[in-house]
Amino acid sequence: ANWVGEQPGVCSMAKTCGHAGVMEFNGDVYTCDHFVFPEFKLGN
């Protein structure tokens, strides 16, 4: 996909990220599944 200039199917290979958030069981939302740390919490 990147070779052709299309959007790749996995975020790690894309130019930018941040489109895939994650919500915990209590409603807390974080920037990304691999960034579930207090400093990357967006809110509830």
PDB file of all heavy atoms in Angstrom:
ATOM      1  N   ALA A   1       0.837  -1.207   0.000  1.00  0.00           N
ATOM      2  CA  ALA A   1       0.000   0.000   0.000  1.00  0.00           C
ATOM      3  C   ALA A   1       0.867   1.252   0.000  1.00  0.00           C
ATOM      4  O   ALA A   1       0.632   2.192  -0.783  1.00  0.00           O
ATOM      5  CB  ALA A   1      -0.925  -0.008   1.223  1.00  0.00           C
ATOM      6  N   ASN A   2       1.884   1.290   0.844  1.00  0.00           N
ATOM      7  CA  ASN A   2       2.782   2.447   0.868  1.00  0.00           C
ATOM      8  C   ASN A   2       3.564   2.579  -0.434  1.00  0.00           C
ATOM      9  O   ASN A   2       3.849   3.686  -0.897  1.00  0.00           O
ATOM     10  CB  ASN A   2       3.744   2.346   2.053  1.00  0.00           C
ATOM     11  CG  ASN A   2       3.138   2.891   3.335  1.00  0.00           C
ATOM     12  OD1 ASN A   2       2.166   3.647   3.306  1.00  0.00           O
ATOM     13  ND2 ASN A   2       3.702   2.517   4.476  1.00  0.00           N
ATOM     14  N   TRP A   3       3.907   1.460  -1.029  1.00  0.00           N
ATOM     15  CA  TRP A   3       4.646   1.481  -2.300  1.00  0.00           C
ATOM     16  C   TRP A   3       3.803   2.139  -3.397  1.00  0.00           C
ATOM     17  O   TRP A   3       4.312   2.879  -4.236  1.00  0.00           O
ATOM     18  CB  TRP A   3       5.023   0.054  -2.701  1.00  0.00           C
ATOM     19  CG  TRP A   3       6.462  -0.101  -3.089  1.00  0.00           C
ATOM     20  CD1 TRP A   3       6.983  -0.023  -4.349  1.00  0.00           C
ATOM     21  CD2 TRP A   3       7.570  -0.362  -2.207  1.00  0.00           C
ATOM     22  NE1 TRP A   3       8.350  -0.215  -4.312  1.00  0.00           N
ATOM     23  CE2 TRP A   3       8.742  -0.435  -3.007  1.00  0.00           C
ATOM     24  CE3 TRP A   3       7.699  -0.545  -0.831  1.00  0.00           C
ATOM     25  CZ2 TRP A   3      10.007  -0.686  -2.474  1.00  0.00           C
ATOM     26  CZ3 TRP A   3       8.949  -0.797  -0.298  1.00  0.00           C
ATOM     27  CH2 TRP A   3      10.091  -0.859  -1.113  1.00  0.00           C
ATOM     28  N   VAL A   4       2.501   1.856  -3.333  1.00  0.00           N
ATOM     29  CA  VAL A   4       1.583   2.384  -4.349  1.00  0.00           C
ATOM     30  C   VAL A   4       1.139   3.813  -4.013  1.00  0.00           C
ATOM     31  O   VAL A   4       0.673   4.547  -4.875  1.00  0.00           O
ATOM     32  CB  VAL A   4       0.360   1.445  -4.486  1.00  0.00           C
ATOM     33  CG1 VAL A   4      -0.676   1.986  -5.446  1.00  0.00           C
ATOM     34  CG2 VAL A   4       0.803   0.065  -4.936  1.00  0.00           C
ATOM     35  N   GLY A   5       1.293   4.189  -2.740  1.00  0.00           N
ATOM     36  CA  GLY A   5       0.854   5.523  -2.320  1.00  0.00           C
ATOM     37  C   GLY A   5      -0.529   5.548  -1.728  1.00  0.00           C
ATOM     38  O   GLY A   5      -1.157   6.599  -1.610  1.00  0.00           O
ATOM     39  N   GLU A   6      -1.018   4.362  -1.313  1.00  0.00           N
ATOM     40  CA  GLU A   6      -2.318   4.268  -0.662  1.00  0.00           C
ATOM     41  C   GLU A   6      -2.144   4.239   0.856  1.00  0.00           C
ATOM     42  O   GLU A   6      -1.041   4.028   1.359  1.00  0.00           O
ATOM     43  CB  GLU A   6      -3.051   2.999  -1.125  1.00  0.00           C
ATOM     44  CG  GLU A   6      -3.391   2.977  -2.599  1.00  0.00           C
ATOM     45  CD  GLU A   6      -4.455   3.994  -2.977  1.00  0.00           C
ATOM     46  OE1 GLU A   6      -5.262   4.369  -2.094  1.00  0.00           O
ATOM     47  OE2 GLU A   6      -4.478   4.421  -4.140  1.00  0.00           O
ATOM     48  N   GLN A   7      -3.239   4.417   1.574  1.00  0.00           N
ATOM     49  CA  GLN A   7      -3.199   4.371   3.031  1.00  0.00           C
ATOM     50  C   GLN A   7      -2.967   2.930   3.485  1.00  0.00           C
ATOM     51  O   GLN A   7      -3.728   2.038   3.111  1.00  0.00           O
ATOM     52  CB  GLN A   7      -4.519   4.899   3.612  1.00  0.00           C
ATOM     53  CG  GLN A   7      -4.569   4.991   5.129  1.00  0.00           C
ATOM     54  CD  GLN A   7      -3.692   6.082   5.705  1.00  0.00           C
ATOM     55  OE1 GLN A   7      -3.211   6.939   4.978  1.00  0.00           O
ATOM     56  NE2 GLN A   7      -3.459   6.054   7.003  1.00  0.00           N
ATOM     57  N   PRO A   8      -1.932   2.663   4.287  1.00  0.00           N
ATOM     58  CA  PRO A   8      -1.693   1.286   4.736  1.00  0.00           C
ATOM     59  C   PRO A   8      -2.731   0.840   5.753  1.00  0.00           C
ATOM     60  O   PRO A   8      -3.353   1.671   6.427  1.00  0.00           O
ATOM     61  CB  PRO A   8      -0.301   1.371   5.370  1.00  0.00           C
ATOM     62  CG  PRO A   8      -0.189   2.789   5.845  1.00  0.00           C
ATOM     63  CD  PRO A   8      -0.944   3.610   4.835  1.00  0.00           C
ATOM     64  N   GLY A   9      -2.898  -0.460   5.883  1.00  0.00           N
ATOM     65  CA  GLY A   9      -3.916  -0.996   6.777  1.00  0.00           C
ATOM     66  C   GLY A   9      -3.507  -1.061   8.237  1.00  0.00           C
ATOM     67  O   GLY A   9      -4.298  -1.480   9.078  1.00  0.00           O
ATOM     68  N   VAL A  10      -2.287  -0.676   8.546  1.00  0.00           N
ATOM     69  CA  VAL A  10      -1.828  -0.709   9.935  1.00  0.00           C
ATOM     70  C   VAL A  10      -1.237   0.654  10.274  1.00  0.00           C
ATOM     71  O   VAL A  10      -0.471   1.240   9.503  1.00  0.00           O
ATOM     72  CB  VAL A  10      -0.804  -1.860  10.154  1.00  0.00           C
ATOM     73  CG1 VAL A  10       0.390  -1.734   9.227  1.00  0.00           C
ATOM     74  CG2 VAL A  10      -0.354  -1.925  11.603  1.00  0.00           C
ATOM     75  N   CYS A  11      -1.621   1.183  11.444  1.00  0.00           N
ATOM     76  CA  CYS A  11      -1.276   2.561  11.805  1.00  0.00           C
ATOM     77  C   CYS A  11       0.227   2.780  11.935  1.00  0.00           C
ATOM     78  O   CYS A  11       0.730   3.871  11.653  1.00  0.00           O
ATOM     79  CB  CYS A  11      -1.973   2.955  13.102  1.00  0.00           C
ATOM     80  SG  CYS A  11      -1.653   1.855  14.505  1.00  0.00           S
ATOM     81  N   SER A  12       0.967   1.758  12.343  1.00  0.00           N
ATOM     82  CA  SER A  12       2.403   1.930  12.573  1.00  0.00           C
ATOM     83  C   SER A  12       3.152   2.299  11.297  1.00  0.00           C
ATOM     84  O   SER A  12       4.220   2.910  11.344  1.00  0.00           O
ATOM     85  CB  SER A  12       3.010   0.657  13.182  1.00  0.00           C
ATOM     86  OG  SER A  12       2.859  -0.439  12.299  1.00  0.00           O
ATOM     87  N   MET A  13       2.595   1.949  10.127  1.00  0.00           N
ATOM     88  CA  MET A  13       3.257   2.228   8.858  1.00  0.00           C
ATOM     89  C   MET A  13       2.733   3.497   8.187  1.00  0.00           C
ATOM     90  O   MET A  13       3.205   3.873   7.116  1.00  0.00           O
ATOM     91  CB  MET A  13       3.087   1.046   7.898  1.00  0.00           C
ATOM     92  CG  MET A  13       3.388  -0.315   8.493  1.00  0.00           C
ATOM     93  SD  MET A  13       5.078  -0.472   9.097  1.00  0.00           S
ATOM     94  CE  MET A  13       5.961  -0.698   7.570  1.00  0.00           C
ATOM     95  N   ALA A  14       1.769   4.154   8.796  1.00  0.00           N
ATOM     96  CA  ALA A  14       1.187   5.364   8.217  1.00  0.00           C
ATOM     97  C   ALA A  14       2.039   6.593   8.551  1.00  0.00           C
ATOM     98  O   ALA A  14       2.850   6.574   9.471  1.00  0.00           O
ATOM     99  CB  ALA A  14      -0.233   5.554   8.741  1.00  0.00           C
ATOM    100  N   LYS A  15       1.834   7.676   7.798  1.00  0.00           N
ATOM    101  CA  LYS A  15       2.603   8.902   8.032  1.00  0.00           C
ATOM    102  C   LYS A  15       2.301   9.507   9.396  1.00  0.00           C
ATOM    103  O   LYS A  15       3.185  10.009  10.080  1.00  0.00           O
ATOM    104  CB  LYS A  15       2.294   9.933   6.935  1.00  0.00           C
ATOM    105  CG  LYS A  15       2.971   9.654   5.610  1.00  0.00           C
ATOM    106  CD  LYS A  15       2.704  10.773   4.621  1.00  0.00           C
ATOM    107  CE  LYS A  15       3.398  10.478   3.285  1.00  0.00           C
ATOM    108  NZ  LYS A  15       3.124  11.536   2.290  1.00  0.00           N
ATOM    109  N   THR A  16       1.033   9.495   9.753  1.00  0.00           N
ATOM    110  CA  THR A  16       0.623  10.023  11.057  1.00  0.00           C
ATOM    111  C   THR A  16      -0.210   8.964  11.763  1.00  0.00           C
ATOM    112  O   THR A  16      -0.657   7.994  11.159  1.00  0.00           O
ATOM    113  CB  THR A  16      -0.216  11.307  10.901  1.00  0.00           C
ATOM    114  OG1 THR A  16      -1.373  11.010  10.117  1.00  0.00           O
ATOM    115  CG2 THR A  16       0.592  12.411  10.236  1.00  0.00           C
ATOM    116  N   CYS A  17      -0.407   9.158  13.057  1.00  0.00           N
ATOM    117  CA  CYS A  17      -1.243   8.206  13.809  1.00  0.00           C
ATOM    118  C   CYS A  17      -2.248   9.004  14.640  1.00  0.00           C
ATOM    119  O   CYS A  17      -2.566  10.140  14.315  1.00  0.00           O
ATOM    120  CB  CYS A  17      -0.388   7.280  14.660  1.00  0.00           C
ATOM    121  SG  CYS A  17       0.675   8.111  15.856  1.00  0.00           S
ATOM    122  N   GLY A  18      -2.757   8.410  15.697  1.00  0.00           N
ATOM    123  CA  GLY A  18      -3.710   9.115  16.543  1.00  0.00           C
ATOM    124  C   GLY A  18      -5.151   8.924  16.154  1.00  0.00           C
ATOM    125  O   GLY A  18      -6.042   9.466  16.792  1.00  0.00           O
ATOM    126  N   HIS A  19      -5.406   8.145  15.091  1.00  0.00           N
ATOM    127  CA  HIS A  19      -6.800   7.935  14.681  1.00  0.00           C
ATOM    128  C   HIS A  19      -7.457   6.800  15.452  1.00  0.00           C
ATOM    129  O   HIS A  19      -8.664   6.622  15.381  1.00  0.00           O
ATOM    130  CB  HIS A  19      -6.871   7.638  13.185  1.00  0.00           C
ATOM    131  CG  HIS A  19      -6.354   6.291  12.815  1.00  0.00           C
ATOM    132  ND1 HIS A  19      -5.010   6.037  12.659  1.00  0.00           N
ATOM    133  CD2 HIS A  19      -6.991   5.109  12.593  1.00  0.00           C
ATOM    134  CE1 HIS A  19      -4.850   4.768  12.350  1.00  0.00           C
ATOM    135  NE2 HIS A  19      -6.025   4.177  12.305  1.00  0.00           N
ATOM    136  N   ALA A  20      -6.647   6.013  16.187  1.00  0.00           N
ATOM    137  CA  ALA A  20      -7.182   4.839  16.882  1.00  0.00           C
ATOM    138  C   ALA A  20      -7.018   5.002  18.387  1.00  0.00           C
ATOM    139  O   ALA A  20      -5.968   4.694  18.944  1.00  0.00           O
ATOM    140  CB  ALA A  20      -6.479   3.577  16.397  1.00  0.00           C
ATOM    141  N   GLY A  21      -8.064   5.496  19.035  1.00  0.00           N
ATOM    142  CA  GLY A  21      -8.030   5.647  20.486  1.00  0.00           C
ATOM    143  C   GLY A  21      -8.458   4.371  21.181  1.00  0.00           C
ATOM    144  O   GLY A  21      -8.792   3.370  20.552  1.00  0.00           O
ATOM    145  N   VAL A  22      -8.458   4.415  22.503  1.00  0.00           N
ATOM    146  CA  VAL A  22      -8.870   3.256  23.284  1.00  0.00           C
ATOM    147  C   VAL A  22      -9.625   3.737  24.520  1.00  0.00           C
ATOM    148  O   VAL A  22      -9.256   4.748  25.132  1.00  0.00           O
ATOM    149  CB  VAL A  22      -7.641   2.394  23.678  1.00  0.00           C
ATOM    150  CG1 VAL A  22      -6.620   3.192  24.462  1.00  0.00           C
ATOM    151  CG2 VAL A  22      -8.062   1.165  24.462  1.00  0.00           C
ATOM    152  N   MET A  23     -10.719   3.037  24.846  1.00  0.00           N
ATOM    153  CA  MET A  23     -11.504   3.390  26.026  1.00  0.00           C
ATOM    154  C   MET A  23     -11.464   2.264  27.044  1.00  0.00           C
ATOM    155  O   MET A  23     -11.785   1.118  26.732  1.00  0.00           O
ATOM    156  CB  MET A  23     -12.959   3.702  25.667  1.00  0.00           C
ATOM    157  CG  MET A  23     -13.735   4.311  26.842  1.00  0.00           C
ATOM    158  SD  MET A  23     -15.477   4.613  26.487  1.00  0.00           S
ATOM    159  CE  MET A  23     -16.149   2.956  26.680  1.00  0.00           C
ATOM    160  N   GLU A  24     -11.076   2.607  28.254  1.00  0.00           N
ATOM    161  CA  GLU A  24     -11.030   1.644  29.346  1.00  0.00           C
ATOM    162  C   GLU A  24     -12.435   1.352  29.888  1.00  0.00           C
ATOM    163  O   GLU A  24     -13.410   2.038  29.549  1.00  0.00           O
ATOM    164  CB  GLU A  24     -10.122   2.169  30.472  1.00  0.00           C
ATOM    165  CG  GLU A  24      -8.687   1.685  30.372  1.00  0.00           C
ATOM    166  CD  GLU A  24      -8.554   0.213  30.790  1.00  0.00           C
ATOM    167  OE1 GLU A  24      -9.581  -0.407  31.154  1.00  0.00           O
ATOM    168  OE2 GLU A  24      -7.430  -0.308  30.745  1.00  0.00           O
ATOM    169  N   PHE A  25     -12.509   0.359  30.771  1.00  0.00           N
ATOM    170  CA  PHE A  25     -13.787  -0.131  31.297  1.00  0.00           C
ATOM    171  C   PHE A  25     -14.585   0.951  32.032  1.00  0.00           C
ATOM    172  O   PHE A  25     -15.806   0.843  32.176  1.00  0.00           O
ATOM    173  CB  PHE A  25     -13.530  -1.302  32.257  1.00  0.00           C
ATOM    174  CG  PHE A  25     -12.849  -0.886  33.534  1.00  0.00           C
ATOM    175  CD1 PHE A  25     -13.577  -0.607  34.678  1.00  0.00           C
ATOM    176  CD2 PHE A  25     -11.465  -0.732  33.573  1.00  0.00           C
ATOM    177  CE1 PHE A  25     -12.943  -0.200  35.846  1.00  0.00           C
ATOM    178  CE2 PHE A  25     -10.829  -0.326  34.728  1.00  0.00           C
ATOM    179  CZ  PHE A  25     -11.565  -0.057  35.875  1.00  0.00           C
ATOM    180  N   ASN A  26     -13.911   2.011  32.510  1.00  0.00           N
ATOM    181  CA  ASN A  26     -14.583   3.057  33.286  1.00  0.00           C
ATOM    182  C   ASN A  26     -14.859   4.319  32.469  1.00  0.00           C
ATOM    183  O   ASN A  26     -15.311   5.324  33.017  1.00  0.00           O
ATOM    184  CB  ASN A  26     -13.732   3.422  34.506  1.00  0.00           C
ATOM    185  CG  ASN A  26     -12.440   4.129  34.116  1.00  0.00           C
ATOM    186  OD1 ASN A  26     -11.990   4.001  32.976  1.00  0.00           O
ATOM    187  ND2 ASN A  26     -11.872   4.874  35.041  1.00  0.00           N
ATOM    188  N   GLY A  27     -14.540   4.266  31.161  1.00  0.00           N
ATOM    189  CA  GLY A  27     -14.803   5.419  30.310  1.00  0.00           C
ATOM    190  C   GLY A  27     -13.612   6.306  30.044  1.00  0.00           C
ATOM    191  O   GLY A  27     -13.709   7.271  29.277  1.00  0.00           O
ATOM    192  N   ASP A  28     -12.466   6.020  30.656  1.00  0.00           N
ATOM    193  CA  ASP A  28     -11.248   6.783  30.362  1.00  0.00           C
ATOM    194  C   ASP A  28     -10.806   6.517  28.927  1.00  0.00           C
ATOM    195  O   ASP A  28     -10.761   5.355  28.490  1.00  0.00           O
ATOM    196  CB  ASP A  28     -10.106   6.381  31.309  1.00  0.00           C
ATOM    197  CG  ASP A  28     -10.260   6.973  32.698  1.00  0.00           C
ATOM    198  OD1 ASP A  28     -11.112   7.876  32.876  1.00  0.00           O
ATOM    199  OD2 ASP A  28      -9.536   6.539  33.613  1.00  0.00           O
ATOM    200  N   VAL A  29     -10.454   7.579  28.212  1.00  0.00           N
ATOM    201  CA  VAL A  29     -10.021   7.454  26.820  1.00  0.00           C
ATOM    202  C   VAL A  29      -8.559   7.874  26.711  1.00  0.00           C
ATOM    203  O   VAL A  29      -8.156   8.906  27.250  1.00  0.00           O
ATOM    204  CB  VAL A  29     -10.899   8.312  25.886  1.00  0.00           C
ATOM    205  CG1 VAL A  29     -10.390   8.260  24.450  1.00  0.00           C
ATOM    206  CG2 VAL A  29     -12.349   7.830  25.939  1.00  0.00           C
ATOM    207  N   TYR A  30      -7.775   7.048  26.017  1.00  0.00           N
ATOM    208  CA  TYR A  30      -6.346   7.301  25.828  1.00  0.00           C
ATOM    209  C   TYR A  30      -6.040   7.452  24.342  1.00  0.00           C
ATOM    210  O   TYR A  30      -6.793   6.988  23.486  1.00  0.00           O
ATOM    211  CB  TYR A  30      -5.516   6.147  26.413  1.00  0.00           C
ATOM    212  CG  TYR A  30      -5.598   6.032  27.913  1.00  0.00           C
ATOM    213  CD1 TYR A  30      -6.626   5.317  28.513  1.00  0.00           C
ATOM    214  CD2 TYR A  30      -4.645   6.625  28.744  1.00  0.00           C
ATOM    215  CE1 TYR A  30      -6.713   5.197  29.903  1.00  0.00           C
ATOM    216  CE2 TYR A  30      -4.711   6.511  30.127  1.00  0.00           C
ATOM    217  CZ  TYR A  30      -5.748   5.799  30.698  1.00  0.00           C
ATOM    218  OH  TYR A  30      -5.829   5.684  32.072  1.00  0.00           O
ATOM    219  N   THR A  31      -4.876   8.046  24.070  1.00  0.00           N
ATOM    220  CA  THR A  31      -4.482   8.350  22.697  1.00  0.00           C
ATOM    221  C   THR A  31      -4.356   7.106  21.822  1.00  0.00           C
ATOM    222  O   THR A  31      -4.648   7.144  20.631  1.00  0.00           O
ATOM    223  CB  THR A  31      -3.134   9.086  22.678  1.00  0.00           C
ATOM    224  OG1 THR A  31      -2.162   8.294  23.365  1.00  0.00           O
ATOM    225  CG2 THR A  31      -3.212  10.443  23.329  1.00  0.00           C
ATOM    226  N   CYS A  32      -3.915   5.985  22.420  1.00  0.00           N
ATOM    227  CA  CYS A  32      -3.599   4.786  21.638  1.00  0.00           C
ATOM    228  C   CYS A  32      -3.464   3.616  22.597  1.00  0.00           C
ATOM    229  O   CYS A  32      -3.144   3.798  23.774  1.00  0.00           O
ATOM    230  CB  CYS A  32      -2.291   5.014  20.872  1.00  0.00           C
ATOM    231  SG  CYS A  32      -1.538   3.529  20.170  1.00  0.00           S
ATOM    232  N   ASP A  33      -3.680   2.412  22.089  1.00  0.00           N
ATOM    233  CA  ASP A  33      -3.581   1.211  22.918  1.00  0.00           C
ATOM    234  C   ASP A  33      -2.185   1.028  23.511  1.00  0.00           C
ATOM    235  O   ASP A  33      -2.031   0.451  24.581  1.00  0.00           O
ATOM    236  CB  ASP A  33      -3.958  -0.014  22.073  1.00  0.00           C
ATOM    237  CG  ASP A  33      -4.149  -1.263  22.912  1.00  0.00           C
ATOM    238  OD1 ASP A  33      -4.710  -1.155  24.021  1.00  0.00           O
ATOM    239  OD2 ASP A  33      -3.733  -2.344  22.471  1.00  0.00           O
ATOM    240  N   HIS A  34      -1.159   1.506  22.814  1.00  0.00           N
ATOM    241  CA  HIS A  34       0.215   1.381  23.309  1.00  0.00           C
ATOM    242  C   HIS A  34       0.650   2.604  24.115  1.00  0.00           C
ATOM    243  O   HIS A  34       1.800   2.689  24.544  1.00  0.00           O
ATOM    244  CB  HIS A  34       1.180   1.152  22.141  1.00  0.00           C
ATOM    245  CG  HIS A  34       1.075  -0.227  21.562  1.00  0.00           C
ATOM    246  ND1 HIS A  34       1.651  -1.332  22.155  1.00  0.00           N
ATOM    247  CD2 HIS A  34       0.425  -0.683  20.465  1.00  0.00           C
ATOM    248  CE1 HIS A  34       1.379  -2.408  21.433  1.00  0.00           C
ATOM    249  NE2 HIS A  34       0.636  -2.045  20.407  1.00  0.00           N
ATOM    250  N   PHE A  35      -0.263   3.536  24.321  1.00  0.00           N
ATOM    251  CA  PHE A  35       0.043   4.734  25.095  1.00  0.00           C
ATOM    252  C   PHE A  35      -0.943   4.902  26.246  1.00  0.00           C
ATOM    253  O   PHE A  35      -1.347   6.010  26.575  1.00  0.00           O
ATOM    254  CB  PHE A  35       0.021   5.973  24.191  1.00  0.00           C
ATOM    255  CG  PHE A  35       1.245   6.114  23.319  1.00  0.00           C
ATOM    256  CD1 PHE A  35       1.419   5.306  22.207  1.00  0.00           C
ATOM    257  CD2 PHE A  35       2.226   7.051  23.616  1.00  0.00           C
ATOM    258  CE1 PHE A  35       2.539   5.428  21.396  1.00  0.00           C
ATOM    259  CE2 PHE A  35       3.353   7.182  22.814  1.00  0.00           C
ATOM    260  CZ  PHE A  35       3.519   6.370  21.705  1.00  0.00           C
ATOM    261  N   VAL A  36      -1.342   3.774  26.853  1.00  0.00           N
ATOM    262  CA  VAL A  36      -2.224   3.849  28.015  1.00  0.00           C
ATOM    263  C   VAL A  36      -1.353   4.103  29.249  1.00  0.00           C
ATOM    264  O   VAL A  36      -0.988   3.202  30.005  1.00  0.00           O
ATOM    265  CB  VAL A  36      -3.090   2.578  28.157  1.00  0.00           C
ATOM    266  CG1 VAL A  36      -3.947   2.645  29.416  1.00  0.00           C
ATOM    267  CG2 VAL A  36      -3.988   2.421  26.936  1.00  0.00           C
ATOM    268  N   PHE A  37      -0.988   5.352  29.391  1.00  0.00           N
ATOM    269  CA  PHE A  37      -0.215   5.862  30.519  1.00  0.00           C
ATOM    270  C   PHE A  37      -0.897   7.146  30.973  1.00  0.00           C
ATOM    271  O   PHE A  37      -1.540   7.828  30.152  1.00  0.00           O
ATOM    272  CB  PHE A  37       1.231   6.156  30.100  1.00  0.00           C
ATOM    273  CG  PHE A  37       2.014   4.927  29.696  1.00  0.00           C
ATOM    274  CD1 PHE A  37       2.048   4.510  28.363  1.00  0.00           C
ATOM    275  CD2 PHE A  37       2.724   4.192  30.636  1.00  0.00           C
ATOM    276  CE1 PHE A  37       2.763   3.393  27.987  1.00  0.00           C
ATOM    277  CE2 PHE A  37       3.439   3.061  30.265  1.00  0.00           C
ATOM    278  CZ  PHE A  37       3.459   2.661  28.945  1.00  0.00           C
ATOM    279  N   PRO A  38      -0.789   7.493  32.250  1.00  0.00           N
ATOM    280  CA  PRO A  38      -1.497   8.680  32.753  1.00  0.00           C
ATOM    281  C   PRO A  38      -1.278   9.933  31.917  1.00  0.00           C
ATOM    282  O   PRO A  38      -2.206  10.713  31.692  1.00  0.00           O
ATOM    283  CB  PRO A  38      -0.918   8.850  34.166  1.00  0.00           C
ATOM    284  CG  PRO A  38      -0.531   7.468  34.579  1.00  0.00           C
ATOM    285  CD  PRO A  38      -0.049   6.791  33.321  1.00  0.00           C
ATOM    286  N   GLU A  39      -0.057  10.113  31.417  1.00  0.00           N
ATOM    287  CA  GLU A  39       0.241  11.336  30.659  1.00  0.00           C
ATOM    288  C   GLU A  39      -0.388  11.356  29.268  1.00  0.00           C
ATOM    289  O   GLU A  39      -0.363  12.396  28.588  1.00  0.00           O
ATOM    290  CB  GLU A  39       1.758  11.553  30.563  1.00  0.00           C
ATOM    291  CG  GLU A  39       2.533  10.394  29.992  1.00  0.00           C
ATOM    292  CD  GLU A  39       3.082   9.444  31.064  1.00  0.00           C
ATOM    293  OE1 GLU A  39       2.300   9.011  31.921  1.00  0.00           O
ATOM    294  OE2 GLU A  39       4.288   9.132  30.998  1.00  0.00           O
ATOM    295  N   PHE A  40      -0.973  10.235  28.836  1.00  0.00           N
ATOM    296  CA  PHE A  40      -1.608  10.189  27.513  1.00  0.00           C
ATOM    297  C   PHE A  40      -3.124   9.983  27.617  1.00  0.00           C
ATOM    298  O   PHE A  40      -3.764   9.593  26.641  1.00  0.00           O
ATOM    299  CB  PHE A  40      -0.970   9.098  26.658  1.00  0.00           C
ATOM    300  CG  PHE A  40       0.465   9.388  26.301  1.00  0.00           C
ATOM    301  CD1 PHE A  40       1.503   8.779  27.006  1.00  0.00           C
ATOM    302  CD2 PHE A  40       0.785  10.283  25.304  1.00  0.00           C
ATOM    303  CE1 PHE A  40       2.830   9.050  26.705  1.00  0.00           C
ATOM    304  CE2 PHE A  40       2.107  10.560  24.992  1.00  0.00           C
ATOM    305  CZ  PHE A  40       3.133   9.953  25.696  1.00  0.00           C
ATOM    306  N   LYS A  41      -3.676  10.248  28.772  1.00  0.00           N
ATOM    307  CA  LYS A  41      -5.134  10.157  28.952  1.00  0.00           C
ATOM    308  C   LYS A  41      -5.789  11.425  28.403  1.00  0.00           C
ATOM    309  O   LYS A  41      -5.384  12.540  28.726  1.00  0.00           O
ATOM    310  CB  LYS A  41      -5.461   9.987  30.438  1.00  0.00           C
ATOM    311  CG  LYS A  41      -6.951   9.912  30.742  1.00  0.00           C
ATOM    312  CD  LYS A  41      -7.171   9.755  32.240  1.00  0.00           C
ATOM    313  CE  LYS A  41      -8.595  10.060  32.638  1.00  0.00           C
ATOM    314  NZ  LYS A  41      -8.799   9.997  34.092  1.00  0.00           N
ATOM    315  N   LEU A  42      -6.802  11.251  27.560  1.00  0.00           N
ATOM    316  CA  LEU A  42      -7.480  12.380  26.920  1.00  0.00           C
ATOM    317  C   LEU A  42      -8.665  12.889  27.726  1.00  0.00           C
ATOM    318  O   LEU A  42      -9.094  14.027  27.550  1.00  0.00           O
ATOM    319  CB  LEU A  42      -7.968  11.980  25.525  1.00  0.00           C
ATOM    320  CG  LEU A  42      -6.881  11.641  24.495  1.00  0.00           C
ATOM    321  CD1 LEU A  42      -7.514  11.053  23.243  1.00  0.00           C
ATOM    322  CD2 LEU A  42      -6.059  12.873  24.157  1.00  0.00           C
ATOM    323  N   GLY A  43      -9.189  12.034  28.601  1.00  0.00           N
ATOM    324  CA  GLY A  43     -10.363  12.419  29.377  1.00  0.00           C
ATOM    325  C   GLY A  43     -11.242  11.215  29.621  1.00  0.00           C
ATOM    326  O   GLY A  43     -10.808  10.065  29.489  1.00  0.00           O
ATOM    327  N   ASN A  44     -12.489  11.475  29.983  1.00  0.00           N
ATOM    328  CA  ASN A  44     -13.450  10.409  30.274  1.00  0.00           C
ATOM    329  C   ASN A  44     -14.753  10.710  29.553  1.00  0.00           C
ATOM    330  O   ASN A  44     -15.174  11.869  29.454  1.00  0.00           O
ATOM    331  CB  ASN A  44     -13.687  10.311  31.783  1.00  0.00           C
ATOM    332  CG  ASN A  44     -14.516   9.099  32.155  1.00  0.00           C
ATOM    333  OD1 ASN A  44     -15.723   9.071  31.950  1.00  0.00           O
ATOM    334  ND2 ASN A  44     -13.865   8.087  32.719  1.00  0.00           N
TER     335      ASN A  44
END
